Protein backbone atom coordinates (compact mmCIF):
# COMPACT_ATOMS: atom_id res chain seq x y z
CA MET A 1 -0.61 1.57 12.01
CA GLY A 2 2.62 3.49 11.88
CA ILE A 3 5.01 5.62 9.85
CA SER A 4 8.75 5.21 10.32
CA ARG A 5 11.69 6.36 8.21
CA GLY A 6 10.66 4.48 5.08
CA GLY A 7 7.00 5.46 5.23
CA ALA A 8 7.85 9.10 5.81
CA ARG A 9 10.22 9.15 2.86
CA PHE A 10 7.64 7.52 0.58
CA LEU A 11 5.26 10.35 1.44
CA LEU A 12 7.93 13.01 0.97
CA GLU A 13 8.71 11.64 -2.48
CA GLU A 14 4.98 11.63 -3.23
CA ALA A 15 4.77 15.26 -2.08
CA ARG A 16 7.71 16.18 -4.31
CA ASN A 17 6.05 14.65 -7.38
CA LEU A 18 2.42 15.61 -6.62
CA PRO A 19 2.14 18.21 -3.83
CA PHE A 20 -0.49 17.60 -1.16
CA SER A 21 -3.27 20.00 -0.14
CA GLY A 22 -6.75 20.04 1.34
CA ALA A 23 -8.09 17.34 3.64
CA VAL A 24 -6.44 14.02 4.52
CA LEU A 25 -8.01 11.03 6.27
CA GLN A 26 -5.81 8.56 8.11
CA LEU A 27 -7.28 5.09 8.37
CA GLY A 28 -6.27 4.72 11.99
CA ARG A 29 -4.16 7.42 13.64
CA GLN A 30 -0.58 6.84 12.64
CA HIS A 31 2.12 6.09 15.20
CA LEU A 32 5.22 8.06 14.19
CA PHE A 33 8.72 6.77 14.85
CA PHE A 34 10.77 9.90 14.14
CA THR A 35 11.48 13.41 15.38
CA GLN A 36 11.07 16.81 13.79
CA GLU A 37 14.82 16.85 13.17
CA ASN A 38 14.58 13.55 11.30
CA LEU A 39 11.76 14.87 9.13
CA ASP A 40 13.61 18.09 8.32
CA GLY A 41 16.64 16.10 7.18
CA TRP A 42 14.62 13.74 4.99
CA ALA A 43 12.67 16.64 3.47
CA ALA A 44 15.96 18.19 2.37
CA LEU A 45 16.97 14.90 0.71
CA HIS A 46 13.70 14.89 -1.27
CA SER A 47 13.78 18.65 -2.03
CA VAL A 48 10.45 19.17 -0.26
CA GLN A 49 9.61 22.46 1.43
CA LEU A 50 7.69 21.64 4.60
CA ASP A 51 4.81 23.86 5.66
CA LYS A 52 5.65 25.14 9.14
CA ASN A 53 2.36 27.04 9.55
CA ILE A 54 0.59 24.25 11.39
CA PRO A 55 -3.03 24.99 12.34
CA PRO A 56 -3.29 24.65 16.15
CA GLU A 57 -6.30 22.34 15.81
CA ASN A 58 -4.16 19.84 13.88
CA VAL A 59 -1.59 19.38 16.66
CA ARG A 60 -2.04 16.13 18.60
CA GLN A 61 -0.30 14.35 21.42
CA PRO A 62 2.24 11.85 20.01
CA LEU A 63 0.99 8.28 20.35
CA LEU A 64 4.44 6.89 21.18
CA ASP A 65 7.52 8.66 22.51
CA PRO A 66 6.77 12.29 23.43
CA SER A 67 9.97 13.31 21.63
CA PHE A 68 8.51 12.05 18.33
CA LEU A 69 6.46 14.16 15.97
CA ASP A 70 2.68 13.80 16.17
CA ASP A 71 0.53 12.68 13.25
CA GLY A 72 -1.42 15.94 12.92
CA SER A 73 1.71 18.06 12.69
CA PHE A 74 3.35 15.65 10.23
CA PHE A 75 0.48 15.69 7.74
CA SER A 76 0.13 19.46 8.15
CA GLU A 77 3.78 19.93 7.26
CA LEU A 78 3.21 17.83 4.15
CA GLY A 79 0.69 20.45 3.01
CA PHE A 80 -2.72 19.39 4.38
CA SER A 81 -4.95 22.01 6.03
CA VAL A 82 -7.36 19.44 7.50
CA VAL A 83 -6.07 16.26 9.19
CA GLU A 84 -8.64 13.68 10.29
CA SER A 85 -8.63 10.00 11.21
CA MET A 86 -11.01 7.04 11.32
CA ASP A 87 -10.96 3.99 13.57
CA TYR A 88 -13.28 1.25 14.82
CA SER A 89 -12.61 2.29 18.42
CA ASP A 90 -12.10 5.63 20.17
CA PHE A 91 -9.10 4.36 22.15
CA GLU A 92 -6.74 6.69 20.24
CA GLN A 93 -9.22 9.57 19.88
CA ALA A 94 -9.81 9.23 16.15
CA THR A 95 -11.92 11.93 14.52
CA HIS A 96 -14.49 9.46 13.17
CA ILE A 97 -15.48 6.18 14.83
CA HIS A 98 -16.61 3.79 12.13
CA ASP A 99 -16.36 0.14 11.12
CA LEU A 100 -14.94 -0.09 7.58
CA ASN A 101 -16.80 -3.37 7.12
CA LYS A 102 -19.94 -1.21 6.85
CA PRO A 103 -20.93 1.62 4.48
CA ILE A 104 -19.65 5.08 5.42
CA PRO A 105 -21.91 7.81 6.83
CA ARG A 106 -23.37 9.94 4.06
CA GLU A 107 -21.66 13.11 5.30
CA LEU A 108 -18.19 11.65 4.57
CA ALA A 109 -18.87 11.04 0.87
CA GLY A 110 -16.44 12.96 -1.35
CA ARG A 111 -14.83 14.69 1.63
CA TYR A 112 -11.12 13.93 1.26
CA ASP A 113 -8.32 14.93 -1.09
CA THR A 114 -6.12 12.09 0.19
CA ILE A 115 -6.77 8.95 2.19
CA TYR A 116 -3.78 7.26 3.79
CA ASP A 117 -3.91 3.58 4.67
CA GLY A 118 -0.72 2.98 6.61
CA GLY A 119 -1.53 -0.58 7.64
CA THR A 120 -5.25 -0.76 8.40
CA ILE A 121 -7.31 -2.63 5.83
CA GLU A 122 -5.44 -5.89 6.44
CA HIS A 123 -7.21 -5.82 9.82
CA VAL A 124 -10.65 -5.35 8.22
CA PHE A 125 -12.32 -8.63 7.28
CA ASP A 126 -14.32 -7.27 4.35
CA VAL A 127 -11.58 -5.86 2.11
CA ARG A 128 -13.98 -5.08 -0.71
CA SER A 129 -16.10 -2.99 1.65
CA SER A 130 -12.95 -1.11 2.72
CA LEU A 131 -12.02 -0.36 -0.90
CA THR A 132 -15.57 0.74 -1.68
CA ASN A 133 -15.61 3.07 1.34
CA ILE A 134 -12.29 4.56 0.27
CA PHE A 135 -13.75 5.24 -3.18
CA GLU A 136 -16.82 6.87 -1.67
CA MET A 137 -14.86 9.15 0.68
CA LEU A 138 -12.41 10.39 -1.97
CA LYS A 139 -13.05 13.48 -4.00
CA VAL A 140 -12.65 13.23 -7.78
CA GLY A 141 -8.96 14.00 -8.26
CA GLY A 142 -8.20 12.69 -4.79
CA ARG A 143 -5.58 10.06 -4.01
CA ILE A 144 -5.61 6.84 -2.02
CA ILE A 145 -2.21 5.78 -0.69
CA HIS A 146 -1.72 2.28 0.68
CA SER A 147 1.36 1.19 2.58
CA SER A 148 0.40 -2.41 3.25
CA PRO A 149 1.96 -5.71 4.32
CA SER A 150 2.87 -8.47 1.89
CA SER A 151 5.13 -11.48 2.52
CA ASN A 152 6.36 -12.45 5.99
CA HIS A 153 3.60 -10.81 8.05
CA VAL A 154 1.87 -13.99 9.25
CA ASP A 155 -0.99 -13.25 11.67
CA HIS A 156 -0.22 -9.54 11.70
CA GLY A 157 -3.73 -9.10 10.31
CA PHE A 158 -6.38 -11.10 8.50
CA TYR A 159 -4.42 -10.75 5.25
CA MET A 160 -1.03 -10.35 3.64
CA PHE A 161 -1.59 -8.64 0.28
CA SER A 162 -0.02 -9.04 -3.15
CA PRO A 163 0.60 -5.94 -5.28
CA THR A 164 -1.64 -7.38 -7.97
CA LEU A 165 -4.67 -6.93 -5.68
CA PHE A 166 -4.32 -3.16 -5.54
CA TYR A 167 -2.94 -2.70 -9.04
CA ASP A 168 -5.68 -4.73 -10.71
CA TRP A 169 -8.45 -3.24 -8.56
CA TYR A 170 -7.53 0.37 -9.29
CA MET A 171 -6.67 -0.12 -12.95
CA THR A 172 -9.87 -2.08 -13.61
CA ASN A 173 -11.96 0.58 -11.88
CA GLY A 174 -10.55 3.50 -13.84
CA PHE A 175 -8.13 5.05 -11.36
CA ILE A 176 -4.80 6.54 -12.40
CA VAL A 177 -2.02 4.58 -10.70
CA HIS A 178 0.73 7.10 -10.06
CA GLU A 179 3.09 4.78 -8.20
CA CYS A 180 3.26 1.10 -7.37
CA GLN A 181 6.32 -0.24 -5.57
CA ILE A 182 7.36 -2.98 -3.22
CA PHE A 183 9.78 -2.53 -0.37
CA LEU A 184 11.91 -4.87 1.70
CA TYR A 185 12.69 -4.03 5.30
CA THR A 186 13.67 -5.66 8.58
CA LYS A 187 12.18 -5.81 12.08
CA ASP A 188 14.40 -2.80 12.82
CA PHE A 189 12.12 -0.80 10.53
CA ASP A 190 12.70 2.49 12.34
CA THR A 191 16.50 2.44 11.98
CA MET A 192 17.50 0.19 9.07
CA PRO A 193 17.12 1.24 5.41
CA TRP A 194 14.18 0.14 3.28
CA ARG A 195 14.97 -1.22 -0.20
CA VAL A 196 12.46 0.00 -2.78
CA TYR A 197 11.65 -1.61 -6.14
CA ASP A 198 9.26 -0.58 -8.92
CA TYR A 199 6.37 -2.95 -9.50
CA GLU A 200 4.71 -3.79 -12.76
CA PRO A 201 2.55 -6.82 -13.57
CA GLY A 202 4.65 -9.94 -14.07
CA CYS A 203 7.85 -8.56 -12.56
CA LEU A 204 7.56 -10.85 -9.52
CA ASP A 205 6.76 -14.08 -11.37
CA GLY A 206 10.17 -15.46 -10.48
CA LEU A 207 9.65 -14.77 -6.78
CA SER A 208 6.00 -15.66 -6.28
CA PHE A 209 6.68 -19.28 -5.31
CA GLY A 210 9.12 -19.25 -2.40
CA GLY A 211 11.32 -16.50 -3.82
CA PHE A 212 11.17 -14.10 -0.87
CA ASN A 213 13.38 -16.16 1.40
CA SER A 214 15.92 -13.55 2.55
CA GLY A 215 14.21 -13.05 5.91
CA HIS A 216 13.06 -9.54 5.02
CA LEU A 217 9.51 -8.32 5.45
CA VAL A 218 7.85 -7.21 2.22
CA GLY A 219 5.46 -4.28 1.86
CA ILE A 220 3.50 -2.55 -0.88
CA TYR A 221 3.27 1.17 -1.64
CA ILE A 222 0.65 2.32 -4.14
CA SER A 223 -0.77 5.74 -4.95
CA ALA A 224 -3.90 5.92 -7.13
CA GLU A 225 -6.05 8.88 -8.20
CA LYS A 226 -9.83 8.84 -8.52
CA THR A 227 -11.12 10.28 -11.81
CA ASP A 228 -14.54 11.20 -13.19
CA ASP A 229 -14.63 7.76 -14.79
CA SER A 230 -13.58 5.81 -11.70
CA THR A 231 -15.89 3.20 -10.24
CA CYS A 232 -15.84 0.75 -7.35
CA ASN A 233 -18.15 -1.96 -8.65
CA ILE A 234 -16.05 -3.77 -11.24
CA ILE A 235 -14.55 -7.00 -9.93
CA PRO A 236 -11.11 -7.45 -11.50
CA GLN A 237 -9.66 -10.62 -12.92
CA GLN A 238 -6.05 -11.16 -11.91
CA GLY A 239 -3.83 -9.40 -14.44
CA MET A 240 -1.49 -12.37 -14.83
CA TYR A 241 -4.31 -14.51 -16.19
CA VAL A 242 -5.80 -11.73 -18.31
CA SER A 243 -2.45 -11.33 -20.08
CA ARG A 244 -2.33 -15.08 -20.73
CA TRP A 245 -5.85 -15.09 -22.12
CA GLU A 246 -5.10 -12.13 -24.38
CA SER A 247 -1.86 -13.68 -25.61
CA GLY A 248 -3.65 -16.91 -26.51
CA SER A 249 -1.94 -19.08 -23.87
CA GLY A 250 -5.25 -19.50 -22.10
CA ALA A 251 -8.89 -18.88 -22.99
CA LYS A 252 -10.98 -16.53 -20.91
CA GLY A 253 -13.64 -18.40 -19.02
CA LYS A 254 -11.89 -21.72 -19.57
CA ARG A 255 -9.51 -23.67 -17.44
CA LEU A 256 -5.91 -22.78 -18.23
CA HIS A 257 -3.88 -25.49 -19.90
CA ARG A 258 -1.52 -27.35 -17.62
CA PRO A 259 1.47 -29.27 -18.95
CA ARG A 260 0.95 -33.03 -18.73
CA GLN A 261 3.18 -34.74 -16.19
CA ASP A 262 4.93 -37.94 -17.19
CA LYS A 263 4.78 -41.01 -14.97
CA THR A 264 8.16 -40.37 -13.38
CA ILE A 265 7.08 -36.91 -12.20
CA VAL A 266 3.76 -38.22 -10.94
CA ARG A 267 5.59 -40.83 -8.87
CA ASP A 268 8.03 -38.32 -7.50
CA ARG A 269 6.49 -34.87 -7.17
CA ARG A 270 9.69 -33.50 -5.72
CA THR A 271 11.31 -33.83 -9.14
CA PHE A 272 8.54 -31.76 -10.68
CA MET A 273 8.80 -29.06 -7.99
CA GLU A 274 12.57 -28.89 -8.36
CA ARG A 275 12.10 -28.15 -12.06
CA VAL A 276 9.62 -25.41 -11.26
CA LEU A 277 11.96 -23.83 -8.73
CA ARG A 278 14.95 -23.99 -11.07
CA GLN A 279 12.93 -22.19 -13.73
CA LYS A 280 11.83 -19.49 -11.31
CA ARG A 281 15.36 -18.93 -10.01
CA ARG A 282 16.36 -17.79 -13.48
CA LEU A 283 14.21 -14.70 -12.94
CA ARG A 284 15.28 -11.93 -10.59
CA ILE A 285 13.65 -9.21 -8.53
CA PRO A 286 13.22 -5.86 -10.37
CA ASN A 287 15.99 -3.29 -10.14
CA LYS A 288 16.17 -1.36 -6.90
CA VAL A 289 15.14 2.27 -7.44
CA ALA A 290 15.69 3.74 -3.97
CA GLU A 291 16.85 3.08 -0.43
CA TYR A 292 14.98 4.94 2.28
């Protein structure tokens, strides 16, 4: 779990649009890869006034370089008065020791104004349990923020996620999705810029079959707000298929129609795949909206 230049700037932009306050829970204490001077400079770029009145109890020892900012001070400067963390192990002195595969303790229900998942639930085998626990711990009006791995993170965790997982889950369960973006970055994530693109369902159809071949790592940023009507017990159907069913190109509950292959294509599947790839190359990634 960590926050470098791109992650910090995502949160600063979030703070500019919807200011933070109250209590935040980090899913895993975040390793920070920047200094106070870095943060001050980025805050100016995003027109965010940092809160320099940091409660002494929120100050922690940095988990990496001692010259870097610590996680408690960082979230305090973003506007939170209470900064807590949760982890399976106590090796980094998290506030709460708990396995997200299991239901949360009763006393944590409805406790947090924001929960930040900066790269944790891909390491939790039971993703649905993680999402349910997040729902339970959030206050009504509270936000969950995921910054999670997608393509090119093989064996980093149990999973590499697609944006449709989070988008469909939160939309189906009555959350307000404030932001959903993908970002491309390199292994030099703490020094090289992150390229940020808006996500909406269907915008990646042209890239979903071998399209992310530039060598970049791909991540997902999503911010969703719990409402009075939000739930955590509705299992979503993937939005791509729902749109096909609703448009009449496929019937809900039935197998989607597949074009019949002629004998030449059956004999030589490479010809069929080349046609598929040519069709997908006609589509392009969404327009870049930022570079962090």
